[in-house]
C-alpha atoms as a PDB file:
ATOM      1  CA  GLN A   1     176.676  88.863  75.140  1.00  0.00           C
ATOM      2  CA  VAL A   2     179.405  88.126  72.614  1.00  0.00           C
ATOM      3  CA  GLN A   3     178.982  89.372  69.070  1.00  0.00           C
ATOM      4  CA  LEU A   4     181.147  88.165  66.198  1.00  0.00           C
ATOM      5  CA  VAL A   5     180.948  89.705  62.736  1.00  0.00           C
ATOM      6  CA  GLU A   6     182.892  88.203  59.845  1.00  0.00           C
ATOM      7  CA  SER A   7     183.934  90.034  56.686  1.00  0.00           C
ATOM      8  CA  GLY A   8     186.261  89.577  53.748  1.00  0.00           C
ATOM      9  CA  GLY A   9     184.598  86.675  52.013  1.00  0.00           C
ATOM     10  CA  GLY A  10     184.032  86.652  48.270  1.00  0.00           C
ATOM     11  CA  VAL A  11     185.076  84.962  45.081  1.00  0.00           C
ATOM     12  CA  ALA A  12     188.666  84.082  44.267  1.00  0.00           C
ATOM     13  CA  GLN A  13     190.450  82.123  41.568  1.00  0.00           C
ATOM     14  CA  ALA A  14     192.244  78.916  42.435  1.00  0.00           C
ATOM     15  CA  GLY A  15     195.719  79.855  43.594  1.00  0.00           C
ATOM     16  CA  GLY A  16     194.537  83.246  44.772  1.00  0.00           C
ATOM     17  CA  SER A  17     194.192  84.750  48.234  1.00  0.00           C
ATOM     18  CA  LEU A  18     191.562  86.162  50.543  1.00  0.00           C
ATOM     19  CA  ARG A  19     191.770  87.636  54.028  1.00  0.00           C
ATOM     20  CA  LEU A  20     188.905  87.152  56.442  1.00  0.00           C
ATOM     21  CA  THR A  21     188.371  89.362  59.465  1.00  0.00           C
ATOM     22  CA  CYS A  22     186.264  88.758  62.538  1.00  0.00           C
ATOM     23  CA  ALA A  23     185.305  91.747  64.676  1.00  0.00           C
ATOM     24  CA  ALA A  24     184.375  90.858  68.248  1.00  0.00           C
ATOM     25  CA  SER A  25     182.517  92.807  70.887  1.00  0.00           C
ATOM     26  CA  GLY A  26     181.035  92.214  74.287  1.00  0.00           C
ATOM     27  CA  ARG A  27     183.995  90.944  76.299  1.00  0.00           C
ATOM     28  CA  ALA A  28     187.714  91.268  77.049  1.00  0.00           C
ATOM     29  CA  PHE A  29     188.758  89.769  73.750  1.00  0.00           C
ATOM     30  CA  GLY A  30     192.376  89.044  74.632  1.00  0.00           C
ATOM     31  CA  ASP A  31     191.369  86.618  77.399  1.00  0.00           C
ATOM     32  CA  TYR A  32     189.796  84.085  75.039  1.00  0.00           C
ATOM     33  CA  ALA A  33     190.984  81.673  72.391  1.00  0.00           C
ATOM     34  CA  THR A  34     189.495  82.416  68.970  1.00  0.00           C
ATOM     35  CA  GLY A  35     189.294  80.509  65.726  1.00  0.00           C
ATOM     36  CA  TRP A  36     187.634  79.658  62.444  1.00  0.00           C
ATOM     37  CA  TYR A  37     185.431  76.867  61.158  1.00  0.00           C
ATOM     38  CA  ARG A  38     183.944  76.314  57.728  1.00  0.00           C
ATOM     39  CA  GLN A  39     181.004  74.428  56.285  1.00  0.00           C
ATOM     40  CA  ALA A  40     180.626  73.402  52.673  1.00  0.00           C
ATOM     41  CA  PRO A  41     177.218  72.498  51.203  1.00  0.00           C
ATOM     42  CA  GLY A  42     176.151  69.039  52.298  1.00  0.00           C
ATOM     43  CA  LYS A  43     179.071  68.670  54.711  1.00  0.00           C
ATOM     44  CA  GLU A  44     179.559  69.026  58.442  1.00  0.00           C
ATOM     45  CA  ARG A  45     181.275  72.016  59.963  1.00  0.00           C
ATOM     46  CA  GLU A  46     185.044  71.620  59.875  1.00  0.00           C
ATOM     47  CA  PHE A  47     187.596  73.108  62.250  1.00  0.00           C
ATOM     48  CA  ILE A  48     190.136  75.265  60.381  1.00  0.00           C
ATOM     49  CA  ALA A  49     192.372  77.166  62.786  1.00  0.00           C
ATOM     50  CA  ALA A  50     192.574  78.607  66.286  1.00  0.00           C
ATOM     51  CA  ILE A  51     194.772  81.024  68.190  1.00  0.00           C
ATOM     52  CA  SER A  52     195.278  81.501  71.923  1.00  0.00           C
ATOM     53  CA  GLY A  53     194.141  84.649  73.700  1.00  0.00           C
ATOM     54  CA  LEU A  54     197.514  86.355  73.585  1.00  0.00           C
ATOM     55  CA  GLY A  55     198.381  84.922  70.195  1.00  0.00           C
ATOM     56  CA  GLY A  56     201.269  82.826  71.408  1.00  0.00           C
ATOM     57  CA  SER A  57     200.031  79.515  70.050  1.00  0.00           C
ATOM     58  CA  THR A  58     198.109  78.429  66.979  1.00  0.00           C
ATOM     59  CA  VAL A  59     196.667  75.191  65.677  1.00  0.00           C
ATOM     60  CA  TYR A  60     195.560  74.310  62.139  1.00  0.00           C
ATOM     61  CA  ALA A  61     193.674  71.583  60.364  1.00  0.00           C
ATOM     62  CA  ASP A  62     195.871  69.482  58.099  1.00  0.00           C
ATOM     63  CA  SER A  63     193.786  70.543  55.107  1.00  0.00           C
ATOM     64  CA  VAL A  64     194.911  74.184  55.410  1.00  0.00           C
ATOM     65  CA  LYS A  65     198.315  73.916  57.108  1.00  0.00           C
ATOM     66  CA  GLY A  66     200.932  75.862  55.188  1.00  0.00           C
ATOM     67  CA  ARG A  67     198.313  77.818  53.220  1.00  0.00           C
ATOM     68  CA  PHE A  68     196.232  79.594  55.878  1.00  0.00           C
ATOM     69  CA  THR A  69     197.496  81.802  58.691  1.00  0.00           C
ATOM     70  CA  ILE A  70     195.489  82.917  61.696  1.00  0.00           C
ATOM     71  CA  SER A  71     196.411  86.071  63.610  1.00  0.00           C
ATOM     72  CA  ARG A  72     194.793  88.468  66.037  1.00  0.00           C
ATOM     73  CA  ASP A  73     194.916  92.126  67.008  1.00  0.00           C
ATOM     74  CA  ASN A  74     193.615  92.394  70.551  1.00  0.00           C
ATOM     75  CA  ALA A  75     193.824  96.179  70.517  1.00  0.00           C
ATOM     76  CA  LYS A  76     191.212  96.141  67.742  1.00  0.00           C
ATOM     77  CA  ASN A  77     189.267  93.107  69.001  1.00  0.00           C
ATOM     78  CA  ALA A  78     189.863  91.365  65.698  1.00  0.00           C
ATOM     79  CA  VAL A  79     191.066  88.027  64.403  1.00  0.00           C
ATOM     80  CA  HIS A  80     192.165  87.421  60.835  1.00  0.00           C
ATOM     81  CA  LEU A  81     192.479  84.418  58.566  1.00  0.00           C
ATOM     82  CA  GLN A  82     194.884  84.906  55.661  1.00  0.00           C
ATOM     83  CA  MET A  83     194.107  82.309  53.025  1.00  0.00           C
ATOM     84  CA  ASN A  84     196.689  81.741  50.298  1.00  0.00           C
ATOM     85  CA  ASN A  85     196.914  79.252  47.447  1.00  0.00           C
ATOM     86  CA  LEU A  86     193.154  78.755  47.557  1.00  0.00           C
ATOM     87  CA  LYS A  87     191.646  75.593  46.116  1.00  0.00           C
ATOM     88  CA  PRO A  88     188.101  74.899  44.878  1.00  0.00           C
ATOM     89  CA  GLU A  89     187.635  72.587  47.874  1.00  0.00           C
ATOM     90  CA  ASP A  90     188.081  75.621  50.151  1.00  0.00           C
ATOM     91  CA  THR A  91     184.671  76.842  48.988  1.00  0.00           C
ATOM     92  CA  ALA A  92     182.480  77.094  52.093  1.00  0.00           C
ATOM     93  CA  ASN A  93     180.830  79.400  54.565  1.00  0.00           C
ATOM     94  CA  TYR A  94     183.485  80.466  57.072  1.00  0.00           C
ATOM     95  CA  TYR A  95     182.581  81.053  60.720  1.00  0.00           C
ATOM     96  CA  CYS A  96     184.453  82.904  63.417  1.00  0.00           C
ATOM     97  CA  VAL A  97     184.316  81.331  66.885  1.00  0.00           C
ATOM     98  CA  VAL A  98     185.427  82.380  70.354  1.00  0.00           C
ATOM     99  CA  ASP A  99     185.786  80.292  73.482  1.00  0.00           C
ATOM    100  CA  SER A 100     183.167  80.735  76.163  1.00  0.00           C
ATOM    101  CA  TYR A 101     185.780  80.133  78.885  1.00  0.00           C
ATOM    102  CA  ARG A 102     188.669  82.405  79.739  1.00  0.00           C
ATOM    103  CA  SER A 103     192.346  81.525  79.208  1.00  0.00           C
ATOM    104  CA  ARG A 104     191.972  78.045  77.720  1.00  0.00           C
ATOM    105  CA  SER A 105     194.263  76.595  75.100  1.00  0.00           C
ATOM    106  CA  ALA A 106     193.505  77.153  71.434  1.00  0.00           C
ATOM    107  CA  LEU A 107     193.304  73.357  71.109  1.00  0.00           C
ATOM    108  CA  VAL A 108     189.948  73.224  72.914  1.00  0.00           C
ATOM    109  CA  LEU A 109     188.232  74.998  70.034  1.00  0.00           C
ATOM    110  CA  ARG A 110     188.659  71.868  67.910  1.00  0.00           C
ATOM    111  CA  SER A 111     185.841  70.184  69.821  1.00  0.00           C
ATOM    112  CA  GLY A 112     183.245  72.702  68.636  1.00  0.00           C
ATOM    113  CA  ARG A 113     181.727  72.776  72.145  1.00  0.00           C
ATOM    114  CA  ASP A 114     181.307  75.698  74.535  1.00  0.00           C
ATOM    115  CA  ILE A 115     182.064  78.314  71.907  1.00  0.00           C
ATOM    116  CA  TYR A 116     180.244  81.286  70.401  1.00  0.00           C
ATOM    117  CA  TRP A 117     179.647  81.444  66.656  1.00  0.00           C
ATOM    118  CA  GLY A 118     179.460  84.274  64.172  1.00  0.00           C
ATOM    119  CA  GLN A 119     177.001  84.341  61.284  1.00  0.00           C
ATOM    120  CA  GLY A 120     179.549  83.367  58.659  1.00  0.00           C
ATOM    121  CA  THR A 121     180.968  84.745  55.427  1.00  0.00           C
ATOM    122  CA  GLN A 122     180.916  82.920  52.106  1.00  0.00           C
ATOM    123  CA  VAL A 123     184.127  82.044  50.281  1.00  0.00           C
ATOM    124  CA  THR A 124     183.914  80.709  46.733  1.00  0.00           C
ATOM    125  CA  VAL A 125     186.994  79.504  44.861  1.00  0.00           C
ATOM    126  CA  SER A 126     186.676  78.959  41.136  1.00  0.00           C
ATOM    127  CA  SER A 127     188.906  76.624  39.179  1.00  0.00           C
END
């Protein structure tokens, strides 16, 4: 059973920064691609970023490229999302996800299928 617990959400001013952390348990974390999605009120869940099991490759949505950085610390079973230059449109509930299959590319997380989800952490950006 995989458990994902997000933290680090909160309120930030436009142009500010937040750092989200996802703590994982229940499996050999470094064997699985991990990522982040978000969902704003009234909108569908949106893929944000993903990172391969060993951290060698990353993929980002165009909406956050150049502003957000995903990283992981396999020794601590954690993945982080550093969010800089925040915009009001970044306001959403942010979810950590991990692949249900071992050793796949980070790209597969974009489909939203065959992945485990955390409970989410709210990020609110004020203008």
